[in-house]
């Protein structure tokens, strides 16, 4: 059983973990697994005139059956395939991080996150309860998942919770303005360090080195998938806390964190409201349309290493595809957005991107958007799905995105 003030104790608590966590629960139990046959026109790309890429084309797409339960089962099998060893899910107290590690230049400002709506609470800092914990999700050094949890003191009622996920090279402490804002409004706000970041890093090259190592050895999945495993285990923990309503757990993140939120929600239905920010993209579409460069540049070291190993003079489509298949199997095929975005339905899903984002090209979302819209309509929840592409914005989170995410959680969670 959860100890409410665990962060102030020296107790180690063992948490009950589902043997098959993706099959034994659902945040929308009234709805059966989503299995939809598509026989309708969808948007197609006008390659001759990119300006019309977002207009409805005349071609029809041969769309396969989307079986969300089967996708989740397959994805869990892939996640299990590279685990270092399963351990009892335990939680231990940790200390506040005074000097967090950033793997790029330390951020100067968090003005965008500071714009998040807050409740008008006097002496908010004094009224916040802070917990620093370690959750053990598997054997080995990376199996220790650091948590930062903020909530308001003095309430015994179960509250909704939101999990926040940071972008590449940052850490959970960077997200504190968002945690404080949501906590002030009655949420339990949780941030984690993703794999090879924050307390799980030892230098400014830890994440880069892990990506290269994964390409070389193929025994880990540091890009997205290993952190998704942690988030499934986090779901085990959060649903057993006495201060959290287990049916009201949301998840969001920025960039890499947006990808973590997207794939965790596709894998685990306990995340009942989902808002990936500048994270959703079409990996296969990018390969087929020569638009992979923006994403590749964000983690270029692993692709350069693969280029050398493959005897190439430059990074090309073949190099990119082989890297994805090696470090995140299925990322550009069976787990890509045309399959895993519809698998989130009918849970409320808001996708927020920049219309000019080179890492998440908007045209690459036409098929997943079309498929998801159809599934939400078939499930009689069309209002539960929305995609916002902010005009003139590239790969950056904006105050508008923060506000839209906040409003979405307030509406549905």
Protein backbone atom coordinates (compact mmCIF):
# COMPACT_ATOMS: atom_id res chain seq x y z
CA UNK A 1 0.00 0.00 0.00
CA UNK A 2 1.25 3.49 -0.79
CA UNK A 3 2.73 5.49 2.09
CA UNK A 4 1.48 9.10 1.64
CA UNK A 5 4.65 10.76 2.94
CA UNK A 6 7.09 8.24 1.59
CA UNK A 7 9.56 10.92 0.52
CA UNK A 8 10.10 11.77 4.18
CA UNK A 9 10.60 8.19 5.32
CA UNK A 10 13.32 5.62 4.88
CA UNK A 11 10.89 2.92 3.83
CA UNK A 12 11.20 0.80 0.73
CA UNK A 13 7.78 -0.15 -0.61
CA UNK A 14 7.09 -2.98 -3.04
CA UNK A 15 4.37 -2.21 -5.57
CA UNK A 16 2.08 -4.78 -7.13
CA UNK A 17 2.92 -4.99 -10.83
CA UNK A 18 0.66 -6.49 -13.47
CA UNK A 19 2.21 -9.54 -15.09
CA UNK A 20 0.53 -8.50 -18.33
CA UNK A 21 -0.03 -4.80 -17.67
CA UNK A 22 -1.39 -4.01 -21.11
CA UNK A 23 -4.21 -6.54 -20.95
CA UNK A 24 -5.55 -6.31 -17.41
CA UNK A 25 -6.84 -2.78 -17.33
CA UNK A 26 -8.48 -0.11 -19.39
CA UNK A 27 -9.33 3.49 -18.67
CA UNK A 28 -12.30 3.14 -21.01
CA UNK A 29 -13.73 -0.25 -19.98
CA UNK A 30 -17.06 0.42 -21.68
CA UNK A 31 -15.37 0.26 -25.08
CA UNK A 32 -14.14 -3.03 -26.60
CA UNK A 33 -10.80 -3.23 -28.43
CA UNK A 34 -10.79 -0.95 -31.43
CA UNK A 35 -10.96 -3.02 -34.62
CA UNK A 36 -11.96 -0.88 -37.60
CA UNK A 37 -12.00 -1.73 -41.31
CA UNK A 38 -11.41 1.36 -43.45
CA UNK A 39 -13.05 1.71 -46.84
CA UNK A 40 -13.07 5.47 -47.37
CA UNK A 41 -11.16 8.17 -49.23
CA UNK A 42 -8.23 9.66 -47.35
CA UNK A 43 -5.86 12.56 -47.87
CA UNK A 44 -3.07 11.96 -50.33
CA UNK A 45 0.07 13.98 -50.94
CA UNK A 46 0.35 16.26 -53.93
CA UNK A 47 4.09 15.93 -54.46
CA UNK A 48 4.06 18.23 -57.46
CA UNK A 49 2.73 21.10 -55.39
CA UNK A 50 3.72 20.90 -51.70
CA UNK A 51 1.49 23.86 -50.89
CA UNK A 52 -1.55 21.66 -51.44
CA UNK A 53 -0.27 18.75 -49.37
CA UNK A 54 -2.88 19.35 -46.69
CA UNK A 55 -5.76 19.39 -49.17
CA UNK A 56 -7.91 16.32 -49.74
CA UNK A 57 -6.61 14.22 -52.61
CA UNK A 58 -8.58 12.05 -54.98
CA UNK A 59 -6.75 8.79 -54.35
CA UNK A 60 -7.98 6.12 -51.98
CA UNK A 61 -5.69 4.41 -49.52
CA UNK A 62 -5.83 0.68 -48.89
CA UNK A 63 -5.98 0.89 -45.13
CA UNK A 64 -5.45 -2.22 -43.00
CA UNK A 65 -7.43 -3.26 -39.97
CA UNK A 66 -6.35 -1.40 -36.85
CA UNK A 67 -6.47 -3.84 -33.93
CA UNK A 68 -5.39 -1.77 -30.93
CA UNK A 69 -5.20 -4.74 -28.57
CA UNK A 70 -2.94 -6.64 -30.97
CA UNK A 71 -0.72 -3.59 -31.47
CA UNK A 72 -0.32 -3.22 -27.70
CA UNK A 73 0.48 -6.92 -27.28
CA UNK A 74 3.06 -6.82 -30.07
CA UNK A 75 4.62 -3.64 -28.72
CA UNK A 76 4.89 -5.07 -25.21
CA UNK A 77 6.64 -8.13 -26.62
CA UNK A 78 9.20 -5.89 -28.31
CA UNK A 79 9.71 -3.91 -25.10
CA UNK A 80 10.23 -7.10 -23.10
CA UNK A 81 12.74 -8.43 -25.63
CA UNK A 82 15.56 -6.15 -24.47
CA UNK A 83 15.00 -5.90 -20.75
CA UNK A 84 17.99 -6.39 -18.47
CA UNK A 85 15.88 -8.46 -16.09
CA UNK A 86 12.54 -7.90 -14.39
CA UNK A 87 12.56 -7.03 -10.69
CA UNK A 88 9.86 -6.42 -8.09
CA UNK A 89 8.52 -2.92 -8.65
CA UNK A 90 9.79 -1.00 -5.62
CA UNK A 91 9.91 2.66 -4.65
CA UNK A 92 12.53 4.32 -2.46
CA UNK A 93 12.97 7.88 -1.19
CA UNK A 94 15.43 10.15 -3.00
CA UNK A 95 16.92 13.58 -2.40
CA UNK A 96 16.11 16.82 -4.16
CA UNK A 97 18.43 17.43 -7.12
CA UNK A 98 20.23 20.71 -6.48
CA UNK A 99 22.33 20.89 -9.64
CA UNK A 100 20.54 19.02 -12.44
CA UNK A 101 22.51 17.75 -15.42
CA UNK A 102 21.68 19.15 -18.85
CA UNK A 103 23.41 17.48 -21.79
CA UNK A 104 23.47 20.65 -23.85
CA UNK A 105 23.92 24.28 -22.83
CA UNK A 106 21.87 24.92 -19.65
CA UNK A 107 18.54 26.52 -20.59
CA UNK A 108 18.40 30.22 -19.82
CA UNK A 109 14.68 30.58 -19.38
CA UNK A 110 11.45 28.64 -19.08
CA UNK A 111 9.13 31.49 -20.08
CA UNK A 112 6.96 29.22 -22.21
CA UNK A 113 6.29 26.87 -19.31
CA UNK A 114 5.88 29.82 -16.94
CA UNK A 115 2.93 30.87 -19.12
CA UNK A 116 0.95 27.80 -18.01
CA UNK A 117 -2.29 28.78 -16.20
CA UNK A 118 -2.02 28.72 -12.41
CA UNK A 119 -4.59 28.96 -9.65
CA UNK A 120 -4.40 32.18 -7.67
CA UNK A 121 -2.93 30.70 -4.50
CA UNK A 122 -1.10 32.82 -1.98
CA UNK A 123 2.20 31.38 -0.76
CA UNK A 124 1.99 28.61 -3.34
CA UNK A 125 5.58 27.47 -2.79
CA UNK A 126 4.89 26.86 0.90
CA UNK A 127 1.69 24.93 0.18
CA UNK A 128 3.24 22.52 -2.28
CA UNK A 129 4.20 19.01 -1.24
CA UNK A 130 7.30 17.78 -3.04
CA UNK A 131 8.30 14.13 -3.34
CA UNK A 132 11.56 12.87 -4.79
CA UNK A 133 11.50 9.12 -5.34
CA UNK A 134 13.20 6.28 -7.19
CA UNK A 135 11.03 3.66 -8.85
CA UNK A 136 12.82 0.47 -9.84
CA UNK A 137 11.51 -0.78 -13.20
CA UNK A 138 14.10 -3.41 -14.14
CA UNK A 139 17.54 -4.68 -13.18
CA UNK A 140 20.62 -2.59 -13.88
CA UNK A 141 21.61 1.05 -13.48
CA UNK A 142 19.04 2.39 -15.95
CA UNK A 143 16.30 0.50 -14.12
CA UNK A 144 16.22 3.20 -11.44
CA UNK A 145 13.57 5.72 -12.51
CA UNK A 146 13.83 9.14 -10.76
CA UNK A 147 10.51 10.86 -10.02
CA UNK A 148 9.65 14.42 -9.02
CA UNK A 149 6.07 14.76 -7.78
CA UNK A 150 4.30 17.96 -6.74
CA UNK A 151 0.83 18.30 -5.23
CA UNK A 152 -1.00 20.58 -2.81
CA UNK A 153 -0.76 19.81 0.88
CA UNK A 154 -3.74 19.11 3.06
CA UNK A 155 -6.17 17.20 0.82
CA UNK A 156 -7.22 13.60 1.36
CA UNK A 157 -9.31 13.36 -1.81
CA UNK A 158 -8.14 11.38 -4.81
CA UNK A 159 -6.92 13.75 -7.50
CA UNK A 160 -6.32 13.57 -11.23
CA UNK A 161 -2.67 13.21 -12.18
CA UNK A 162 -0.58 14.30 -15.18
CA UNK A 163 2.80 12.85 -16.17
CA UNK A 164 5.17 15.35 -17.83
CA UNK A 165 8.07 14.30 -20.07
CA UNK A 166 11.05 16.47 -20.98
CA UNK A 167 12.75 16.98 -24.34
CA UNK A 168 16.16 15.72 -25.48
CA UNK A 169 19.11 16.56 -23.21
CA UNK A 170 16.95 18.09 -20.47
CA UNK A 171 15.63 16.57 -17.24
CA UNK A 172 12.66 16.47 -14.89
CA UNK A 173 13.73 19.60 -12.99
CA UNK A 174 13.35 21.64 -16.19
CA UNK A 175 9.62 20.88 -16.04
CA UNK A 176 9.07 22.32 -12.57
CA UNK A 177 7.09 25.41 -13.74
CA UNK A 178 4.53 23.10 -15.34
CA UNK A 179 4.42 20.88 -12.27
CA UNK A 180 3.76 23.84 -10.00
CA UNK A 181 1.06 25.25 -12.28
CA UNK A 182 -0.84 21.97 -12.51
CA UNK A 183 -0.42 21.23 -8.80
CA UNK A 184 -1.89 24.64 -7.97
CA UNK A 185 -5.00 23.61 -9.89
CA UNK A 186 -5.50 20.38 -7.96
CA UNK A 187 -3.52 17.86 -9.99
CA UNK A 188 -0.81 15.51 -8.82
CA UNK A 189 1.99 16.48 -11.22
CA UNK A 190 4.72 13.94 -11.98
CA UNK A 191 7.95 14.34 -13.94
CA UNK A 192 10.57 11.69 -14.67
CA UNK A 193 14.08 11.58 -16.03
CA UNK A 194 13.91 9.62 -19.28
CA UNK A 195 16.58 7.02 -20.02
CA UNK A 196 20.14 8.37 -20.05
CA UNK A 197 18.99 11.84 -18.93
CA UNK A 198 19.08 13.77 -15.66
CA UNK A 199 20.00 11.52 -12.73
CA UNK A 200 20.32 8.62 -15.18
CA UNK A 201 23.21 10.35 -16.97
CA UNK A 202 26.81 10.75 -15.85
CA UNK A 203 28.10 13.18 -18.48
CA UNK A 204 27.00 15.49 -21.28
CA UNK A 205 27.35 12.64 -23.80
CA UNK A 206 25.50 9.88 -21.93
CA UNK A 207 22.43 9.87 -24.18
CA UNK A 208 24.46 10.18 -27.37
CA UNK A 209 26.73 7.35 -26.27
CA UNK A 210 23.74 5.14 -25.43
CA UNK A 211 22.28 5.63 -28.90
CA UNK A 212 25.58 4.69 -30.54
CA UNK A 213 25.93 1.67 -28.25
CA UNK A 214 22.43 0.52 -29.17
CA UNK A 215 23.33 0.62 -32.85
CA UNK A 216 26.51 -1.35 -32.17
CA UNK A 217 25.12 -3.99 -29.81
CA UNK A 218 21.35 -4.03 -30.36
CA UNK A 219 20.69 -4.86 -26.70
CA UNK A 220 18.93 -1.65 -25.60
CA UNK A 221 16.35 0.77 -27.04
CA UNK A 222 17.34 4.20 -25.68
CA UNK A 223 15.37 6.07 -28.34
CA UNK A 224 11.77 6.17 -27.02
CA UNK A 225 11.10 2.51 -26.28
CA UNK A 226 13.08 1.92 -23.06
CA UNK A 227 11.44 4.97 -21.47
CA UNK A 228 8.02 3.67 -22.55
CA UNK A 229 8.76 0.54 -20.49
CA UNK A 230 9.44 2.82 -17.52
CA UNK A 231 6.15 4.63 -18.10
CA UNK A 232 4.20 1.37 -18.06
CA UNK A 233 5.81 0.56 -14.70
CA UNK A 234 5.07 4.11 -13.56
CA UNK A 235 1.43 3.39 -14.36
CA UNK A 236 1.58 0.43 -11.95
CA UNK A 237 2.81 2.75 -9.23
CA UNK A 238 0.49 5.70 -9.84
CA UNK A 239 -2.66 3.59 -9.95
CA UNK A 240 -1.88 2.31 -6.44
CA UNK A 241 -1.25 5.67 -4.80
CA UNK A 242 -3.92 6.70 -2.31
CA UNK A 243 -3.96 10.31 -3.53
CA UNK A 244 -4.52 9.58 -7.26
CA UNK A 245 -7.71 8.61 -9.04
CA UNK A 246 -6.46 5.64 -11.12
CA UNK A 247 -8.99 6.37 -13.90
CA UNK A 248 -7.77 9.97 -14.32
CA UNK A 249 -4.10 9.86 -15.30
CA UNK A 250 -2.98 12.07 -18.17
CA UNK A 251 0.32 12.19 -20.00
CA UNK A 252 2.09 14.88 -22.02
CA UNK A 253 5.56 15.86 -23.14
CA UNK A 254 7.60 18.06 -25.43
CA UNK A 255 9.55 16.80 -28.47
CA UNK A 256 11.22 13.56 -27.31
CA UNK A 257 8.82 13.75 -24.38
CA UNK A 258 5.95 14.09 -26.83
CA UNK A 259 7.06 10.86 -28.48
CA UNK A 260 7.27 9.20 -25.08
CA UNK A 261 3.72 10.35 -24.29
CA UNK A 262 2.42 9.14 -27.67
CA UNK A 263 3.93 5.66 -27.45
CA UNK A 264 3.20 5.18 -23.75
CA UNK A 265 -0.48 5.99 -24.36
CA UNK A 266 -0.57 3.62 -27.33
CA UNK A 267 0.91 0.89 -25.13
CA UNK A 268 -1.00 1.47 -21.91
CA UNK A 269 -4.67 2.43 -21.65
CA UNK A 270 -4.28 3.66 -18.08
CA UNK A 271 -3.09 6.94 -19.57
CA UNK A 272 -6.60 8.23 -20.08
CA UNK A 273 -5.94 11.68 -21.59
CA UNK A 274 -3.03 12.27 -23.97
CA UNK A 275 -1.32 15.44 -25.25
CA UNK A 276 1.93 14.94 -27.20
CA UNK A 277 3.51 18.31 -28.06
CA UNK A 278 5.80 18.62 -31.13
CA UNK A 279 6.38 14.86 -31.02
CA UNK A 280 4.00 13.05 -33.37
CA UNK A 281 5.38 12.36 -36.84
CA UNK A 282 5.35 9.79 -39.62
CA UNK A 283 8.67 7.94 -39.60
CA UNK A 284 7.88 5.83 -42.68
CA UNK A 285 6.40 8.83 -44.49
CA UNK A 286 9.61 10.79 -43.81
CA UNK A 287 11.70 7.99 -45.34
CA UNK A 288 9.52 7.70 -48.41
CA UNK A 289 9.32 11.46 -48.98
CA UNK A 290 12.95 12.42 -48.24
CA UNK A 291 11.97 14.37 -45.13
CA UNK A 292 14.00 12.44 -42.56
CA UNK A 293 16.82 14.98 -42.20
CA UNK A 294 15.26 17.12 -39.46
CA UNK A 295 14.72 14.18 -37.11
CA UNK A 296 18.10 12.64 -37.92
CA UNK A 297 19.91 15.89 -37.14
CA UNK A 298 18.52 15.85 -33.59
CA UNK A 299 20.51 12.67 -32.77
CA UNK A 300 23.04 12.70 -35.59
CA UNK A 301 25.90 10.86 -33.86
CA UNK A 302 24.24 7.45 -34.12
CA UNK A 303 23.52 7.94 -37.82
CA UNK A 304 27.10 9.02 -38.49
CA UNK A 305 28.33 5.89 -36.74
CA UNK A 306 25.97 3.75 -38.81
CA UNK A 307 27.06 5.50 -42.02
CA UNK A 308 30.68 4.57 -41.32
CA UNK A 309 29.80 0.99 -40.40
CA UNK A 310 27.74 0.61 -43.60
CA UNK A 311 30.52 2.02 -45.78
CA UNK A 312 28.50 5.03 -46.93
CA UNK A 313 29.91 8.41 -47.88
CA UNK A 314 26.81 10.20 -46.57
CA UNK A 315 23.76 9.48 -44.45
CA UNK A 316 20.96 8.34 -46.73
CA UNK A 317 17.55 6.65 -46.55
CA UNK A 318 19.10 3.20 -46.18
CA UNK A 319 21.22 4.30 -43.22
CA UNK A 320 18.25 5.93 -41.50
CA UNK A 321 16.00 2.92 -42.01
CA UNK A 322 18.62 0.50 -40.69
CA UNK A 323 19.20 2.66 -37.59
CA UNK A 324 15.48 2.82 -36.79
CA UNK A 325 15.12 -0.95 -37.24
CA UNK A 326 18.10 -1.55 -34.96
CA UNK A 327 17.50 0.88 -32.09
CA UNK A 328 13.67 1.00 -32.15
CA UNK A 329 12.27 -2.04 -33.99
CA UNK A 330 8.94 -1.26 -35.65
CA UNK A 331 9.25 2.51 -35.29
CA UNK A 332 8.99 3.06 -39.06
CA UNK A 333 6.60 0.18 -39.67
CA UNK A 334 4.10 -1.54 -37.38
CA UNK A 335 4.39 1.00 -34.53
CA UNK A 336 4.49 4.12 -36.67
CA UNK A 337 1.87 6.84 -36.25
CA UNK A 338 -0.64 5.44 -38.81
CA UNK A 339 -1.08 2.50 -36.41
CA UNK A 340 -0.33 3.72 -32.89
CA UNK A 341 -2.14 7.07 -33.07
CA UNK A 342 -5.47 5.38 -33.94
CA UNK A 343 -4.75 2.81 -31.21
CA UNK A 344 -5.16 5.56 -28.58
CA UNK A 345 -8.85 6.02 -29.48
CA UNK A 346 -11.33 6.63 -27.98
CA UNK A 347 -9.37 8.23 -25.13
CA UNK A 348 -9.11 12.03 -25.50
CA UNK A 349 -6.09 12.83 -27.68
CA UNK A 350 -4.78 16.28 -28.56
CA UNK A 351 -1.80 16.48 -30.93
CA UNK A 352 -0.07 19.87 -30.97
CA UNK A 353 2.63 20.58 -33.57
CA UNK A 354 4.20 23.50 -35.37
CA UNK A 355 2.97 23.80 -38.95
CA UNK A 356 6.54 24.34 -40.19
CA UNK A 357 8.28 21.74 -38.01
CA UNK A 358 11.01 19.95 -40.03
CA UNK A 359 11.26 17.17 -37.43
CA UNK A 360 7.52 16.47 -37.47
CA UNK A 361 6.43 17.37 -41.03
CA UNK A 362 2.73 18.13 -41.07
CA UNK A 363 2.13 16.28 -44.34
CA UNK A 364 3.35 13.10 -42.64
CA UNK A 365 0.36 13.24 -40.29
CA UNK A 366 -2.32 13.12 -42.96
CA UNK A 367 -2.82 9.35 -42.81
CA UNK A 368 -2.69 8.98 -38.99
CA UNK A 369 -5.02 11.97 -38.63
CA UNK A 370 -7.48 10.55 -41.14
CA UNK A 371 -7.46 7.08 -39.58
CA UNK A 372 -7.76 8.41 -36.03
CA UNK A 373 -10.62 10.74 -36.97
CA UNK A 374 -12.53 7.83 -38.49
CA UNK A 375 -12.03 5.65 -35.41
CA UNK A 376 -13.11 8.39 -33.02
CA UNK A 377 -16.21 8.93 -35.15
CA UNK A 378 -16.98 5.20 -35.24
CA UNK A 379 -16.64 5.11 -31.45
CA UNK A 380 -19.03 8.10 -31.17
CA UNK A 381 -16.38 10.30 -29.58
CA UNK A 382 -15.36 12.70 -32.39
CA UNK A 383 -14.85 15.49 -29.86
CA UNK A 384 -12.10 13.44 -28.19
CA UNK A 385 -9.62 13.98 -31.02
CA UNK A 386 -7.99 17.19 -32.22
CA UNK A 387 -4.84 18.14 -34.10
CA UNK A 388 -3.52 21.69 -33.84
CA UNK A 389 -0.77 22.85 -36.21
CA UNK A 390 0.31 26.33 -35.13
CA UNK A 391 1.03 28.45 -38.23
CA UNK A 392 4.56 29.75 -38.73
CA UNK A 393 6.03 27.62 -35.94
CA UNK A 394 8.87 25.14 -36.36
CA UNK A 395 10.15 22.70 -33.77
CA UNK A 396 9.41 24.65 -30.61
CA UNK A 397 6.85 24.60 -27.84
CA UNK A 398 4.89 27.84 -27.53
CA UNK A 399 2.61 29.48 -24.95
CA UNK A 400 -0.35 28.61 -27.19
CA UNK A 401 0.60 24.94 -27.06
CA UNK A 402 0.96 25.04 -23.28
CA UNK A 403 -2.46 26.70 -22.95
CA UNK A 404 -4.15 24.26 -25.33
CA UNK A 405 -2.70 21.30 -23.43
CA UNK A 406 -3.80 22.77 -20.12
CA UNK A 407 -7.34 23.36 -21.38
CA UNK A 408 -7.52 19.81 -22.78
CA UNK A 409 -6.63 18.25 -19.44
CA UNK A 410 -9.05 20.53 -17.59
CA UNK A 411 -11.81 19.51 -20.00
CA UNK A 412 -11.29 15.76 -20.07
CA UNK A 413 -9.40 14.80 -16.90
